[in-house]
Amino acid sequence: MTSEEKEIYPEEPPLFKKWKSWYILVLGNLLALILLLYFLSISFS
């Protein structure tokens, strides 16, 4: 990464990075659960 890119994209604070990864993890688990319930409802109907 060049210094020019660093000016455009400043490094995220660690707390925000931690929160973002946690948010993505929860969102991914929710999506997987919804898909699982969706496929189960199709197979049992």
PDB file of N, CA and C in Angstrom:
ATOM      1  N   MET A   1       0.841  -1.201   0.000  1.00  0.00           N
ATOM      2  CA  MET A   1       0.000   0.000   0.000  1.00  0.00           C
ATOM      3  C   MET A   1       0.874   1.248   0.000  1.00  0.00           C
ATOM      4  N   THR A   2       0.620   2.133  -0.945  1.00  0.00           N
ATOM      5  CA  THR A   2       1.414   3.360  -1.036  1.00  0.00           C
ATOM      6  C   THR A   2       0.907   4.398  -0.047  1.00  0.00           C
ATOM      7  N   SER A   3       1.704   5.440   0.178  1.00  0.00           N
ATOM      8  CA  SER A   3       1.316   6.501   1.106  1.00  0.00           C
ATOM      9  C   SER A   3       0.104   7.278   0.590  1.00  0.00           C
ATOM     10  N   GLU A   4      -0.036   7.339  -0.733  1.00  0.00           N
ATOM     11  CA  GLU A   4      -1.198   8.018  -1.313  1.00  0.00           C
ATOM     12  C   GLU A   4      -2.491   7.278  -0.973  1.00  0.00           C
ATOM     13  N   GLU A   5      -2.444   5.968  -1.042  1.00  0.00           N
ATOM     14  CA  GLU A   5      -3.611   5.158  -0.700  1.00  0.00           C
ATOM     15  C   GLU A   5      -3.961   5.281   0.782  1.00  0.00           C
ATOM     16  N   LYS A   6      -2.940   5.401   1.618  1.00  0.00           N
ATOM     17  CA  LYS A   6      -3.174   5.526   3.056  1.00  0.00           C
ATOM     18  C   LYS A   6      -3.912   6.821   3.388  1.00  0.00           C
ATOM     19  N   GLU A   7      -3.655   7.867   2.616  1.00  0.00           N
ATOM     20  CA  GLU A   7      -4.349   9.135   2.840  1.00  0.00           C
ATOM     21  C   GLU A   7      -5.825   9.016   2.463  1.00  0.00           C
ATOM     22  N   ILE A   8      -6.097   8.296   1.382  1.00  0.00           N
ATOM     23  CA  ILE A   8      -7.473   8.126   0.932  1.00  0.00           C
ATOM     24  C   ILE A   8      -8.219   7.154   1.851  1.00  0.00           C
ATOM     25  N   TYR A   9      -7.554   6.060   2.203  1.00  0.00           N
ATOM     26  CA  TYR A   9      -8.167   5.072   3.082  1.00  0.00           C
ATOM     27  C   TYR A   9      -7.396   5.010   4.402  1.00  0.00           C
ATOM     28  N   PRO A  10      -7.772   5.837   5.365  1.00  0.00           N
ATOM     29  CA  PRO A  10      -7.087   5.778   6.656  1.00  0.00           C
ATOM     30  C   PRO A  10      -7.402   4.464   7.375  1.00  0.00           C
ATOM     31  N   GLU A  11      -6.461   4.008   8.179  1.00  0.00           N
ATOM     32  CA  GLU A  11      -6.662   2.742   8.886  1.00  0.00           C
ATOM     33  C   GLU A  11      -7.787   2.876   9.905  1.00  0.00           C
ATOM     34  N   GLU A  12      -8.632   1.846   9.957  1.00  0.00           N
ATOM     35  CA  GLU A  12      -9.759   1.865  10.880  1.00  0.00           C
ATOM     36  C   GLU A  12      -9.264   1.647  12.308  1.00  0.00           C
ATOM     37  N   PRO A  13      -9.914   2.297  13.275  1.00  0.00           N
ATOM     38  CA  PRO A  13      -9.551   2.031  14.667  1.00  0.00           C
ATOM     39  C   PRO A  13      -9.872   0.582  15.028  1.00  0.00           C
ATOM     40  N   PRO A  14      -9.058  -0.047  15.895  1.00  0.00           N
ATOM     41  CA  PRO A  14      -9.238  -1.471  16.201  1.00  0.00           C
ATOM     42  C   PRO A  14     -10.628  -1.822  16.719  1.00  0.00           C
ATOM     43  N   LEU A  15     -11.251  -0.905  17.471  1.00  0.00           N
ATOM     44  CA  LEU A  15     -12.588  -1.164  18.017  1.00  0.00           C
ATOM     45  C   LEU A  15     -13.605  -1.296  16.896  1.00  0.00           C
ATOM     46  N   PHE A  16     -13.500  -0.400  15.910  1.00  0.00           N
ATOM     47  CA  PHE A  16     -14.418  -0.435  14.771  1.00  0.00           C
ATOM     48  C   PHE A  16     -14.208  -1.700  13.952  1.00  0.00           C
ATOM     49  N   LYS A  17     -12.949  -2.090  13.780  1.00  0.00           N
ATOM     50  CA  LYS A  17     -12.606  -3.294  13.016  1.00  0.00           C
ATOM     51  C   LYS A  17     -13.165  -4.533  13.720  1.00  0.00           C
ATOM     52  N   LYS A  18     -13.051  -4.548  15.053  1.00  0.00           N
ATOM     53  CA  LYS A  18     -13.557  -5.652  15.863  1.00  0.00           C
ATOM     54  C   LYS A  18     -15.078  -5.722  15.771  1.00  0.00           C
ATOM     55  N   TRP A  19     -15.718  -4.556  15.860  1.00  0.00           N
ATOM     56  CA  TRP A  19     -17.180  -4.484  15.785  1.00  0.00           C
ATOM     57  C   TRP A  19     -17.673  -4.920  14.418  1.00  0.00           C
ATOM     58  N   LYS A  20     -16.943  -4.518  13.375  1.00  0.00           N
ATOM     59  CA  LYS A  20     -17.339  -4.846  12.007  1.00  0.00           C
ATOM     60  C   LYS A  20     -17.241  -6.355  11.768  1.00  0.00           C
ATOM     61  N   SER A  21     -16.178  -6.986  12.243  1.00  0.00           N
ATOM     62  CA  SER A  21     -16.014  -8.428  12.057  1.00  0.00           C
ATOM     63  C   SER A  21     -17.081  -9.198  12.841  1.00  0.00           C
ATOM     64  N   TRP A  22     -17.434  -8.687  14.034  1.00  0.00           N
ATOM     65  CA  TRP A  22     -18.494  -9.297  14.847  1.00  0.00           C
ATOM     66  C   TRP A  22     -19.836  -9.167  14.143  1.00  0.00           C
ATOM     67  N   TYR A  23     -20.086  -8.000  13.551  1.00  0.00           N
ATOM     68  CA  TYR A  23     -21.331  -7.726  12.828  1.00  0.00           C
ATOM     69  C   TYR A  23     -21.473  -8.652  11.625  1.00  0.00           C
ATOM     70  N   ILE A  24     -20.379  -8.834  10.885  1.00  0.00           N
ATOM     71  CA  ILE A  24     -20.375  -9.719   9.712  1.00  0.00           C
ATOM     72  C   ILE A  24     -20.620 -11.173  10.143  1.00  0.00           C
ATOM     73  N   LEU A  25     -20.016 -11.569  11.254  1.00  0.00           N
ATOM     74  CA  LEU A  25     -20.173 -12.925  11.781  1.00  0.00           C
ATOM     75  C   LEU A  25     -21.626 -13.201  12.149  1.00  0.00           C
ATOM     76  N   VAL A  26     -22.255 -12.268  12.871  1.00  0.00           N
ATOM     77  CA  VAL A  26     -23.652 -12.410  13.283  1.00  0.00           C
ATOM     78  C   VAL A  26     -24.576 -12.414  12.065  1.00  0.00           C
ATOM     79  N   LEU A  27     -24.296 -11.521  11.123  1.00  0.00           N
ATOM     80  CA  LEU A  27     -25.095 -11.426   9.905  1.00  0.00           C
ATOM     81  C   LEU A  27     -25.006 -12.718   9.091  1.00  0.00           C
ATOM     82  N   GLY A  28     -23.816 -13.276   9.004  1.00  0.00           N
ATOM     83  CA  GLY A  28     -23.609 -14.526   8.280  1.00  0.00           C
ATOM     84  C   GLY A  28     -24.335 -15.694   8.926  1.00  0.00           C
ATOM     85  N   ASN A  29     -24.299 -15.747  10.269  1.00  0.00           N
ATOM     86  CA  ASN A  29     -24.997 -16.808  10.993  1.00  0.00           C
ATOM     87  C   ASN A  29     -26.504 -16.690  10.835  1.00  0.00           C
ATOM     88  N   LEU A  30     -27.008 -15.462  10.869  1.00  0.00           N
ATOM     89  CA  LEU A  30     -28.437 -15.219  10.669  1.00  0.00           C
ATOM     90  C   LEU A  30     -28.878 -15.662   9.282  1.00  0.00           C
ATOM     91  N   LEU A  31     -28.082 -15.319   8.292  1.00  0.00           N
ATOM     92  CA  LEU A  31     -28.380 -15.676   6.908  1.00  0.00           C
ATOM     93  C   LEU A  31     -28.402 -17.198   6.730  1.00  0.00           C
ATOM     94  N   ALA A  32     -27.433 -17.872   7.331  1.00  0.00           N
ATOM     95  CA  ALA A  32     -27.366 -19.334   7.260  1.00  0.00           C
ATOM     96  C   ALA A  32     -28.580 -19.972   7.930  1.00  0.00           C
ATOM     97  N   LEU A  33     -29.007 -19.416   9.055  1.00  0.00           N
ATOM     98  CA  LEU A  33     -30.164 -19.924   9.788  1.00  0.00           C
ATOM     99  C   LEU A  33     -31.446 -19.746   8.987  1.00  0.00           C
ATOM    100  N   ILE A  34     -31.600 -18.577   8.363  1.00  0.00           N
ATOM    101  CA  ILE A  34     -32.771 -18.292   7.528  1.00  0.00           C
ATOM    102  C   ILE A  34     -32.825 -19.243   6.333  1.00  0.00           C
ATOM    103  N   LEU A  35     -31.682 -19.451   5.686  1.00  0.00           N
ATOM    104  CA  LEU A  35     -31.616 -20.377   4.549  1.00  0.00           C
ATOM    105  C   LEU A  35     -31.952 -21.805   4.977  1.00  0.00           C
ATOM    106  N   LEU A  36     -31.447 -22.208   6.130  1.00  0.00           N
ATOM    107  CA  LEU A  36     -31.711 -23.548   6.653  1.00  0.00           C
ATOM    108  C   LEU A  36     -33.200 -23.744   6.915  1.00  0.00           C
ATOM    109  N   LEU A  37     -33.829 -22.771   7.568  1.00  0.00           N
ATOM    110  CA  LEU A  37     -35.266 -22.836   7.840  1.00  0.00           C
ATOM    111  C   LEU A  37     -36.075 -22.834   6.553  1.00  0.00           C
ATOM    112  N   TYR A  38     -35.614 -22.060   5.578  1.00  0.00           N
ATOM    113  CA  TYR A  38     -36.283 -21.975   4.276  1.00  0.00           C
ATOM    114  C   TYR A  38     -36.267 -23.323   3.554  1.00  0.00           C
ATOM    115  N   PHE A  39     -35.105 -23.972   3.530  1.00  0.00           N
ATOM    116  CA  PHE A  39     -34.989 -25.271   2.864  1.00  0.00           C
ATOM    117  C   PHE A  39     -35.755 -26.361   3.619  1.00  0.00           C
ATOM    118  N   LEU A  40     -35.778 -26.257   4.951  1.00  0.00           N
ATOM    119  CA  LEU A  40     -36.534 -27.224   5.751  1.00  0.00           C
ATOM    120  C   LEU A  40     -38.029 -27.091   5.493  1.00  0.00           C
ATOM    121  N   SER A  41     -38.520 -25.864   5.403  1.00  0.00           N
ATOM    122  CA  SER A  41     -39.946 -25.640   5.143  1.00  0.00           C
ATOM    123  C   SER A  41     -40.348 -26.131   3.754  1.00  0.00           C
ATOM    124  N   ILE A  42     -39.429 -26.031   2.792  1.00  0.00           N
ATOM    125  CA  ILE A  42     -39.689 -26.526   1.435  1.00  0.00           C
ATOM    126  C   ILE A  42     -39.756 -28.061   1.447  1.00  0.00           C
ATOM    127  N   SER A  43     -38.820 -28.690   2.125  1.00  0.00           N
ATOM    128  CA  SER A  43     -38.751 -30.154   2.111  1.00  0.00           C
ATOM    129  C   SER A  43     -39.902 -30.804   2.886  1.00  0.00           C
ATOM    130  N   PHE A  44     -40.458 -30.093   3.867  1.00  0.00           N
ATOM    131  CA  PHE A  44     -41.553 -30.656   4.658  1.00  0.00           C
ATOM    132  C   PHE A  44     -42.935 -30.291   4.121  1.00  0.00           C
ATOM    133  N   SER A  45     -42.999 -29.389   3.159  1.00  0.00           N
ATOM    134  CA  SER A  45     -44.302 -28.986   2.620  1.00  0.00           C
ATOM    135  C   SER A  45     -44.802 -29.963   1.555  1.00  0.00           C
TER     136      SER A  45
END
